[in-house]
C-alpha atoms as a PDB file:
ATOM      1  CA  UNK A   1      78.668 132.696 108.287  1.00  0.00           C
ATOM      2  CA  UNK A   2      76.260 129.695 109.633  1.00  0.00           C
ATOM      3  CA  UNK A   3      76.914 126.145 110.590  1.00  0.00           C
ATOM      4  CA  UNK A   4      74.870 125.005 107.784  1.00  0.00           C
ATOM      5  CA  UNK A   5      76.703 126.869 105.086  1.00  0.00           C
ATOM      6  CA  UNK A   6      80.130 125.568 106.591  1.00  0.00           C
ATOM      7  CA  UNK A   7      78.946 122.208 106.598  1.00  0.00           C
ATOM      8  CA  UNK A   8      77.700 122.134 102.935  1.00  0.00           C
ATOM      9  CA  UNK A   9      80.553 123.621 101.662  1.00  0.00           C
ATOM     10  CA  UNK A  10      83.216 120.927 103.704  1.00  0.00           C
ATOM     11  CA  UNK A  11      81.183 118.142 102.454  1.00  0.00           C
ATOM     12  CA  UNK A  12      81.071 119.854  98.808  1.00  0.00           C
ATOM     13  CA  UNK A  13      85.060 119.688  98.705  1.00  0.00           C
ATOM     14  CA  UNK A  14      85.012 116.263 100.173  1.00  0.00           C
ATOM     15  CA  UNK A  15      82.754 114.880  97.508  1.00  0.00           C
ATOM     16  CA  UNK A  16      84.848 116.552  94.664  1.00  0.00           C
ATOM     17  CA  UNK A  17      88.176 114.573  96.409  1.00  0.00           C
ATOM     18  CA  UNK A  18      86.344 111.450  96.025  1.00  0.00           C
ATOM     19  CA  UNK A  19      84.990 112.099  92.569  1.00  0.00           C
ATOM     20  CA  UNK A  20      88.845 112.649  91.717  1.00  0.00           C
ATOM     21  CA  UNK A  21      89.685 108.855  93.114  1.00  0.00           C
ATOM     22  CA  UNK A  22      86.615 107.510  90.962  1.00  0.00           C
ATOM     23  CA  UNK A  23      87.987 109.357  87.961  1.00  0.00           C
ATOM     24  CA  UNK A  24      91.482 108.270  88.404  1.00  0.00           C
ATOM     25  CA  UNK A  25      90.082 104.584  88.850  1.00  0.00           C
ATOM     26  CA  UNK A  26      87.978 104.700  85.447  1.00  0.00           C
ATOM     27  CA  UNK A  27      91.084 106.299  83.811  1.00  0.00           C
ATOM     28  CA  UNK A  28      92.991 103.161  84.472  1.00  0.00           C
ATOM     29  CA  UNK A  29      90.176 100.341  83.851  1.00  0.00           C
ATOM     30  CA  UNK A  30      92.850  99.146  80.985  1.00  0.00           C
ATOM     31  CA  UNK A  31      96.011  99.845  82.775  1.00  0.00           C
ATOM     32  CA  UNK A  32      97.813  96.601  83.188  1.00  0.00           C
ATOM     33  CA  UNK A  33      98.432  95.839  86.984  1.00  0.00           C
ATOM     34  CA  UNK A  34      96.617  98.910  87.944  1.00  0.00           C
ATOM     35  CA  UNK A  35      94.984  98.499  91.499  1.00  0.00           C
ATOM     36  CA  UNK A  36      92.291 100.616  92.219  1.00  0.00           C
ATOM     37  CA  UNK A  37      91.563 103.019  94.941  1.00  0.00           C
ATOM     38  CA  UNK A  38      88.709 103.535  97.737  1.00  0.00           C
ATOM     39  CA  UNK A  39      88.253 106.443 100.089  1.00  0.00           C
ATOM     40  CA  UNK A  40      86.972 106.703 103.675  1.00  0.00           C
ATOM     41  CA  UNK A  41      85.434 109.882 105.611  1.00  0.00           C
ATOM     42  CA  UNK A  42      85.204 111.285 108.976  1.00  0.00           C
ATOM     43  CA  UNK A  43      83.193 113.914 110.638  1.00  0.00           C
ATOM     44  CA  UNK A  44      84.627 117.347 111.065  1.00  0.00           C
ATOM     45  CA  UNK A  45      84.381 118.791 114.557  1.00  0.00           C
ATOM     46  CA  UNK A  46      81.184 117.067 115.699  1.00  0.00           C
ATOM     47  CA  UNK A  47      79.817 117.810 119.157  1.00  0.00           C
ATOM     48  CA  UNK A  48      76.527 117.106 121.182  1.00  0.00           C
ATOM     49  CA  UNK A  49      75.043 120.704 121.738  1.00  0.00           C
ATOM     50  CA  UNK A  50      72.654 120.492 124.772  1.00  0.00           C
ATOM     51  CA  UNK A  51      68.807 121.575 124.535  1.00  0.00           C
ATOM     52  CA  UNK A  52      67.315 124.575 126.902  1.00  0.00           C
ATOM     53  CA  UNK A  53      66.932 123.448 130.059  1.00  0.00           C
ATOM     54  CA  UNK A  54      62.871 123.691 129.434  1.00  0.00           C
ATOM     55  CA  UNK A  55      63.245 120.179 127.481  1.00  0.00           C
ATOM     56  CA  UNK A  56      64.699 118.407 130.213  1.00  0.00           C
ATOM     57  CA  UNK A  57      60.815 117.158 131.232  1.00  0.00           C
ATOM     58  CA  UNK A  58      60.313 114.459 133.470  1.00  0.00           C
ATOM     59  CA  UNK A  59      59.862 111.006 131.596  1.00  0.00           C
ATOM     60  CA  UNK A  60      61.599 112.257 128.369  1.00  0.00           C
ATOM     61  CA  UNK A  61      63.388 108.972 126.861  1.00  0.00           C
ATOM     62  CA  UNK A  62      65.581 110.678 124.195  1.00  0.00           C
ATOM     63  CA  UNK A  63      68.752 112.394 125.548  1.00  0.00           C
ATOM     64  CA  UNK A  64      68.288 116.285 125.957  1.00  0.00           C
ATOM     65  CA  UNK A  65      70.484 117.353 123.040  1.00  0.00           C
ATOM     66  CA  UNK A  66      71.634 117.068 119.401  1.00  0.00           C
ATOM     67  CA  UNK A  67      74.647 116.258 117.309  1.00  0.00           C
ATOM     68  CA  UNK A  68      75.945 119.423 115.555  1.00  0.00           C
ATOM     69  CA  UNK A  69      78.975 118.868 113.133  1.00  0.00           C
ATOM     70  CA  UNK A  70      80.545 120.252 110.297  1.00  0.00           C
ATOM     71  CA  UNK A  71      80.095 118.264 107.612  1.00  0.00           C
ATOM     72  CA  UNK A  72      82.902 115.340 106.519  1.00  0.00           C
ATOM     73  CA  UNK A  73      86.465 115.223 105.381  1.00  0.00           C
ATOM     74  CA  UNK A  74      88.336 112.853 103.314  1.00  0.00           C
ATOM     75  CA  UNK A  75      90.305 110.649 106.137  1.00  0.00           C
ATOM     76  CA  UNK A  76      92.444 108.600 103.967  1.00  0.00           C
ATOM     77  CA  UNK A  77      92.677 106.768 100.319  1.00  0.00           C
ATOM     78  CA  UNK A  78      92.846 103.117 100.647  1.00  0.00           C
ATOM     79  CA  UNK A  79      94.761 100.650  97.831  1.00  0.00           C
ATOM     80  CA  UNK A  80      92.420  97.822  96.951  1.00  0.00           C
ATOM     81  CA  UNK A  81      95.267  95.175  96.109  1.00  0.00           C
ATOM     82  CA  UNK A  82      92.974  92.521  94.968  1.00  0.00           C
ATOM     83  CA  UNK A  83      94.257  90.258  92.351  1.00  0.00           C
ATOM     84  CA  UNK A  84      92.921  91.425  88.813  1.00  0.00           C
ATOM     85  CA  UNK A  85      91.867  88.966  86.152  1.00  0.00           C
ATOM     86  CA  UNK A  86      94.653  87.372  83.931  1.00  0.00           C
ATOM     87  CA  UNK A  87      94.696  87.902  79.925  1.00  0.00           C
ATOM     88  CA  UNK A  88      96.795  85.747  77.855  1.00  0.00           C
ATOM     89  CA  UNK A  89      99.131  87.256  75.379  1.00  0.00           C
ATOM     90  CA  UNK A  90     101.525  84.701  74.569  1.00  0.00           C
ATOM     91  CA  UNK A  91     104.453  86.199  75.151  1.00  0.00           C
ATOM     92  CA  UNK A  92     107.008  84.329  76.996  1.00  0.00           C
ATOM     93  CA  UNK A  93     108.163  87.690  78.956  1.00  0.00           C
ATOM     94  CA  UNK A  94     104.638  88.543  79.779  1.00  0.00           C
ATOM     95  CA  UNK A  95     104.202  87.435  83.467  1.00  0.00           C
ATOM     96  CA  UNK A  96     101.367  87.517  85.753  1.00  0.00           C
ATOM     97  CA  UNK A  97     101.336  86.469  89.469  1.00  0.00           C
ATOM     98  CA  UNK A  98      98.833  83.891  90.672  1.00  0.00           C
ATOM     99  CA  UNK A  99      98.543  85.012  94.613  1.00  0.00           C
ATOM    100  CA  UNK A 100      99.725  88.298  96.978  1.00  0.00           C
ATOM    101  CA  UNK A 101     103.327  88.591  95.657  1.00  0.00           C
ATOM    102  CA  UNK A 102     104.783  91.403  93.850  1.00  0.00           C
ATOM    103  CA  UNK A 103     107.918  91.722  91.524  1.00  0.00           C
ATOM    104  CA  UNK A 104     110.769  94.129  92.376  1.00  0.00           C
ATOM    105  CA  UNK A 105     112.773  96.013  90.080  1.00  0.00           C
ATOM    106  CA  UNK A 106     115.319  98.744  90.395  1.00  0.00           C
ATOM    107  CA  UNK A 107     113.632 102.048  90.906  1.00  0.00           C
ATOM    108  CA  UNK A 108     115.434 105.776  91.031  1.00  0.00           C
ATOM    109  CA  UNK A 109     114.856 105.980  94.622  1.00  0.00           C
ATOM    110  CA  UNK A 110     115.768 102.109  95.542  1.00  0.00           C
ATOM    111  CA  UNK A 111     114.055  98.975  95.197  1.00  0.00           C
ATOM    112  CA  UNK A 112     110.237  99.212  93.925  1.00  0.00           C
ATOM    113  CA  UNK A 113     107.379  96.963  93.862  1.00  0.00           C
ATOM    114  CA  UNK A 114     104.806  96.121  91.213  1.00  0.00           C
ATOM    115  CA  UNK A 115     102.225  93.662  89.908  1.00  0.00           C
ATOM    116  CA  UNK A 116     102.651  94.959  86.502  1.00  0.00           C
ATOM    117  CA  UNK A 117     104.624  92.195  84.684  1.00  0.00           C
ATOM    118  CA  UNK A 118     105.017  93.557  81.089  1.00  0.00           C
ATOM    119  CA  UNK A 119     108.899  92.728  80.751  1.00  0.00           C
ATOM    120  CA  UNK A 120     111.075  92.665  77.824  1.00  0.00           C
ATOM    121  CA  UNK A 121     115.023  92.845  77.329  1.00  0.00           C
ATOM    122  CA  UNK A 122     117.184  95.400  76.612  1.00  0.00           C
ATOM    123  CA  UNK A 123     120.763  95.560  75.814  1.00  0.00           C
ATOM    124  CA  UNK A 124     123.443  95.782  78.491  1.00  0.00           C
ATOM    125  CA  UNK A 125     125.543  98.869  77.935  1.00  0.00           C
ATOM    126  CA  UNK A 126     128.656  97.525  79.797  1.00  0.00           C
ATOM    127  CA  UNK A 127     128.593  94.142  77.896  1.00  0.00           C
ATOM    128  CA  UNK A 128     127.184  93.260  74.859  1.00  0.00           C
ATOM    129  CA  UNK A 129     127.141  89.462  75.037  1.00  0.00           C
ATOM    130  CA  UNK A 130     123.842  90.050  77.577  1.00  0.00           C
ATOM    131  CA  UNK A 131     120.716  91.795  77.585  1.00  0.00           C
ATOM    132  CA  UNK A 132     119.053  93.073  81.036  1.00  0.00           C
ATOM    133  CA  UNK A 133     115.483  92.071  82.024  1.00  0.00           C
ATOM    134  CA  UNK A 134     113.633  95.423  82.225  1.00  0.00           C
ATOM    135  CA  UNK A 135     109.984  96.576  83.030  1.00  0.00           C
ATOM    136  CA  UNK A 136     107.928  99.401  80.434  1.00  0.00           C
ATOM    137  CA  UNK A 137     109.725 102.087  82.394  1.00  0.00           C
ATOM    138  CA  UNK A 138     113.116 100.488  81.755  1.00  0.00           C
ATOM    139  CA  UNK A 139     113.946  99.493  85.441  1.00  0.00           C
ATOM    140  CA  UNK A 140     115.895  96.108  85.540  1.00  0.00           C
ATOM    141  CA  UNK A 141     114.090  93.318  87.032  1.00  0.00           C
ATOM    142  CA  UNK A 142     115.638  91.902  90.114  1.00  0.00           C
ATOM    143  CA  UNK A 143     116.392  88.261  91.565  1.00  0.00           C
ATOM    144  CA  UNK A 144     116.137  86.929  94.989  1.00  0.00           C
ATOM    145  CA  UNK A 145     119.233  88.688  95.705  1.00  0.00           C
ATOM    146  CA  UNK A 146     118.596  91.916  94.653  1.00  0.00           C
ATOM    147  CA  UNK A 147     120.656  91.828  91.518  1.00  0.00           C
ATOM    148  CA  UNK A 148     119.423  92.404  87.929  1.00  0.00           C
ATOM    149  CA  UNK A 149     118.470  89.618  85.936  1.00  0.00           C
ATOM    150  CA  UNK A 150     121.080  89.238  82.636  1.00  0.00           C
ATOM    151  CA  UNK A 151     120.483  86.947  80.092  1.00  0.00           C
ATOM    152  CA  UNK A 152     122.735  85.971  77.187  1.00  0.00           C
ATOM    153  CA  UNK A 153     122.018  87.542  73.613  1.00  0.00           C
ATOM    154  CA  UNK A 154     120.312  85.796  71.383  1.00  0.00           C
ATOM    155  CA  UNK A 155     119.335  83.337  73.989  1.00  0.00           C
ATOM    156  CA  UNK A 156     115.683  81.903  73.818  1.00  0.00           C
ATOM    157  CA  UNK A 157     113.823  82.841  76.938  1.00  0.00           C
ATOM    158  CA  UNK A 158     111.363  81.304  79.369  1.00  0.00           C
ATOM    159  CA  UNK A 159     109.877  81.381  83.024  1.00  0.00           C
ATOM    160  CA  UNK A 160     108.310  78.862  85.005  1.00  0.00           C
ATOM    161  CA  UNK A 161     105.819  79.046  87.625  1.00  0.00           C
ATOM    162  CA  UNK A 162     108.547  79.130  90.413  1.00  0.00           C
ATOM    163  CA  UNK A 163     110.220  82.360  88.771  1.00  0.00           C
ATOM    164  CA  UNK A 164     113.032  80.677  87.278  1.00  0.00           C
ATOM    165  CA  UNK A 165     114.023  82.401  84.446  1.00  0.00           C
ATOM    166  CA  UNK A 166     115.478  79.993  81.717  1.00  0.00           C
ATOM    167  CA  UNK A 167     117.911  80.813  78.921  1.00  0.00           C
ATOM    168  CA  UNK A 168     118.534  78.319  76.245  1.00  0.00           C
ATOM    169  CA  UNK A 169     121.635  78.721  73.722  1.00  0.00           C
ATOM    170  CA  UNK A 170     123.718  76.498  71.656  1.00  0.00           C
ATOM    171  CA  UNK A 171     125.345  75.567  74.787  1.00  0.00           C
ATOM    172  CA  UNK A 172     122.146  74.118  76.635  1.00  0.00           C
ATOM    173  CA  UNK A 173     119.388  75.477  78.625  1.00  0.00           C
ATOM    174  CA  UNK A 174     120.215  77.224  82.248  1.00  0.00           C
ATOM    175  CA  UNK A 175     118.921  78.941  84.796  1.00  0.00           C
ATOM    176  CA  UNK A 176     120.115  82.284  84.395  1.00  0.00           C
ATOM    177  CA  UNK A 177     118.161  83.811  87.576  1.00  0.00           C
ATOM    178  CA  UNK A 178     114.872  83.600  89.840  1.00  0.00           C
ATOM    179  CA  UNK A 179     112.674  86.350  89.810  1.00  0.00           C
ATOM    180  CA  UNK A 180     112.354  87.910  93.636  1.00  0.00           C
ATOM    181  CA  UNK A 181     108.532  87.219  94.328  1.00  0.00           C
ATOM    182  CA  UNK A 182     107.914  89.310  97.820  1.00  0.00           C
ATOM    183  CA  UNK A 183     104.501  88.049  99.261  1.00  0.00           C
ATOM    184  CA  UNK A 184     102.766  91.135 100.740  1.00  0.00           C
ATOM    185  CA  UNK A 185     102.180  90.703 104.317  1.00  0.00           C
ATOM    186  CA  UNK A 186     101.310  94.255 105.330  1.00  0.00           C
ATOM    187  CA  UNK A 187      99.732  96.327 102.598  1.00  0.00           C
ATOM    188  CA  UNK A 188      99.565  99.579 104.837  1.00  0.00           C
ATOM    189  CA  UNK A 189     103.749  99.522 104.787  1.00  0.00           C
ATOM    190  CA  UNK A 190     103.878 100.300 100.848  1.00  0.00           C
ATOM    191  CA  UNK A 191     103.949 103.751  99.732  1.00  0.00           C
ATOM    192  CA  UNK A 192     102.249 104.123  95.648  1.00  0.00           C
ATOM    193  CA  UNK A 193     104.597 105.881  93.460  1.00  0.00           C
ATOM    194  CA  UNK A 194     104.336 106.891  89.897  1.00  0.00           C
ATOM    195  CA  UNK A 195     104.299 104.031  87.069  1.00  0.00           C
ATOM    196  CA  UNK A 196     102.020 101.292  89.034  1.00  0.00           C
ATOM    197  CA  UNK A 197     105.044 101.087  91.452  1.00  0.00           C
ATOM    198  CA  UNK A 198     105.366 100.905  95.308  1.00  0.00           C
ATOM    199  CA  UNK A 199     107.988 101.443  97.746  1.00  0.00           C
ATOM    200  CA  UNK A 200     108.562 100.870 101.682  1.00  0.00           C
ATOM    201  CA  UNK A 201     107.176 103.288 103.548  1.00  0.00           C
ATOM    202  CA  UNK A 202     110.003 105.514 105.325  1.00  0.00           C
ATOM    203  CA  UNK A 203     111.489 103.634 108.437  1.00  0.00           C
ATOM    204  CA  UNK A 204     110.234 100.181 107.396  1.00  0.00           C
ATOM    205  CA  UNK A 205     112.049  96.977 106.127  1.00  0.00           C
ATOM    206  CA  UNK A 206     111.189  94.200 103.699  1.00  0.00           C
ATOM    207  CA  UNK A 207     110.976  92.066 106.517  1.00  0.00           C
ATOM    208  CA  UNK A 208     108.404  94.178 108.206  1.00  0.00           C
ATOM    209  CA  UNK A 209     106.326  94.109 104.937  1.00  0.00           C
ATOM    210  CA  UNK A 210     106.466  90.887 103.273  1.00  0.00           C
ATOM    211  CA  UNK A 211     106.650  87.510 104.274  1.00  0.00           C
ATOM    212  CA  UNK A 212     109.805  85.704 104.622  1.00  0.00           C
ATOM    213  CA  UNK A 213     108.731  83.248 101.795  1.00  0.00           C
ATOM    214  CA  UNK A 214     110.987  84.779  99.383  1.00  0.00           C
ATOM    215  CA  UNK A 215     114.430  83.559 100.929  1.00  0.00           C
ATOM    216  CA  UNK A 216     112.665  80.034 101.031  1.00  0.00           C
ATOM    217  CA  UNK A 217     111.418  78.817  97.940  1.00  0.00           C
ATOM    218  CA  UNK A 218     109.740  75.977  98.750  1.00  0.00           C
ATOM    219  CA  UNK A 219     107.452  78.117 101.086  1.00  0.00           C
ATOM    220  CA  UNK A 220     106.058  80.084  98.272  1.00  0.00           C
ATOM    221  CA  UNK A 221     102.479  80.302  98.184  1.00  0.00           C
ATOM    222  CA  UNK A 222     102.464  82.372  94.804  1.00  0.00           C
ATOM    223  CA  UNK A 223     102.928  81.276  91.085  1.00  0.00           C
ATOM    224  CA  UNK A 224     103.903  82.914  88.401  1.00  0.00           C
ATOM    225  CA  UNK A 225     101.993  82.302  84.660  1.00  0.00           C
ATOM    226  CA  UNK A 226     104.221  83.041  81.702  1.00  0.00           C
ATOM    227  CA  UNK A 227     102.262  84.244  78.923  1.00  0.00           C
ATOM    228  CA  UNK A 228      99.578  86.034  80.689  1.00  0.00           C
ATOM    229  CA  UNK A 229      99.177  89.826  82.162  1.00  0.00           C
ATOM    230  CA  UNK A 230      97.269  90.999  85.063  1.00  0.00           C
ATOM    231  CA  UNK A 231      94.452  93.041  84.106  1.00  0.00           C
ATOM    232  CA  UNK A 232      93.155  96.016  86.125  1.00  0.00           C
ATOM    233  CA  UNK A 233      90.678  95.147  89.304  1.00  0.00           C
ATOM    234  CA  UNK A 234      88.744  97.959  88.620  1.00  0.00           C
ATOM    235  CA  UNK A 235      85.408  97.450  88.579  1.00  0.00           C
ATOM    236  CA  UNK A 236      83.629  99.856  86.130  1.00  0.00           C
ATOM    237  CA  UNK A 237      79.993  99.089  86.995  1.00  0.00           C
ATOM    238  CA  UNK A 238      80.922  99.420  90.711  1.00  0.00           C
ATOM    239  CA  UNK A 239      82.627 102.695  89.757  1.00  0.00           C
ATOM    240  CA  UNK A 240      79.492 104.271  87.970  1.00  0.00           C
ATOM    241  CA  UNK A 241      77.536 103.559  90.880  1.00  0.00           C
ATOM    242  CA  UNK A 242      79.883 105.349  93.138  1.00  0.00           C
ATOM    243  CA  UNK A 243      79.871 108.441  90.855  1.00  0.00           C
ATOM    244  CA  UNK A 244      76.166 108.385  90.685  1.00  0.00           C
ATOM    245  CA  UNK A 245      76.073 108.700  94.737  1.00  0.00           C
ATOM    246  CA  UNK A 246      78.906 111.264  94.566  1.00  0.00           C
ATOM    247  CA  UNK A 247      76.938 113.577  92.502  1.00  0.00           C
ATOM    248  CA  UNK A 248      73.742 112.780  94.266  1.00  0.00           C
ATOM    249  CA  UNK A 249      75.267 113.977  97.406  1.00  0.00           C
ATOM    250  CA  UNK A 250      77.435 116.807  95.920  1.00  0.00           C
ATOM    251  CA  UNK A 251      73.629 117.949  94.569  1.00  0.00           C
ATOM    252  CA  UNK A 252      72.155 117.983  98.142  1.00  0.00           C
ATOM    253  CA  UNK A 253      75.113 119.496  99.749  1.00  0.00           C
ATOM    254  CA  UNK A 254      74.756 122.455  96.910  1.00  0.00           C
ATOM    255  CA  UNK A 255      71.003 122.608  97.463  1.00  0.00           C
ATOM    256  CA  UNK A 256      71.706 123.101 101.175  1.00  0.00           C
ATOM    257  CA  UNK A 257      74.174 125.843 100.700  1.00  0.00           C
ATOM    258  CA  UNK A 258      72.158 127.691  98.656  1.00  0.00           C
ATOM    259  CA  UNK A 259      68.993 127.239 100.816  1.00  0.00           C
ATOM    260  CA  UNK A 260      71.250 128.511 103.706  1.00  0.00           C
ATOM    261  CA  UNK A 261      72.322 131.359 101.361  1.00  0.00           C
ATOM    262  CA  UNK A 262      68.792 132.302 100.894  1.00  0.00           C
ATOM    263  CA  UNK A 263      67.942 132.055 104.600  1.00  0.00           C
ATOM    264  CA  UNK A 264      70.594 134.379 105.646  1.00  0.00           C
ATOM    265  CA  UNK A 265      69.488 136.868 103.017  1.00  0.00           C
ATOM    266  CA  UNK A 266      65.878 136.784 104.261  1.00  0.00           C
ATOM    267  CA  UNK A 267      67.225 137.280 108.027  1.00  0.00           C
ATOM    268  CA  UNK A 268      69.412 140.600 106.881  1.00  0.00           C
ATOM    269  CA  UNK A 269      66.604 142.007 104.843  1.00  0.00           C
ATOM    270  CA  UNK A 270      64.141 141.611 108.247  1.00  0.00           C
ATOM    271  CA  UNK A 271      66.601 143.755 110.422  1.00  0.00           C
ATOM    272  CA  UNK A 272      65.636 147.056 111.369  1.00  0.00           C
END
């Protein structure tokens, strides 16, 4: 198989992977708190091939060689953690963050982080006098001490800009917990999980990925907005433009593969 066929096939495979990422972004354009993904590519086994010695003439101004490669491959998929727009819902337990912080919940494998703030209350199976604050997957929302936030049953709940969860009962209004707002410092230290959740990469600690502001409320640069939900940061126009670019690139690679196959058939016919 000649180099042109290998290059075309490798590039077509890379374009298909990029198309899958774009399709995933478009499918989640209305998913609350979803962060779009982008791809980066790198050359495969690129090398400089020297020309025949007859090309090395006196006075030549360009290099006596040419670049020979084997297409491109997917190098990495990068999460775009830019903040999405906020949509008003009127529900006091729908929370959006103005800033780069993330909520913390108790996931199956440990503490998970998310920008999706569509919370609600769920009965506490161990104590009927309380309810737990949970996310849409049923995971308990954590406070600054990594403890689940529990609210007296039948209390009227509100959340202020600092993340304080206020419960109003017949006895008065009290702070029952303060949301953990982990302000992101190193996005590359997070690993994307199912359900719009992120977890720390293996071997990393919170102090290595998040800023220390969660232990000092006065230093927080983020603010909680109650009654709002953060929308997906996917731009449909951008994704459609990328899709057309990928389709054109795929067509060109397919045409190169077809042309290479035609040339090989002609060469085989000319033998003998």
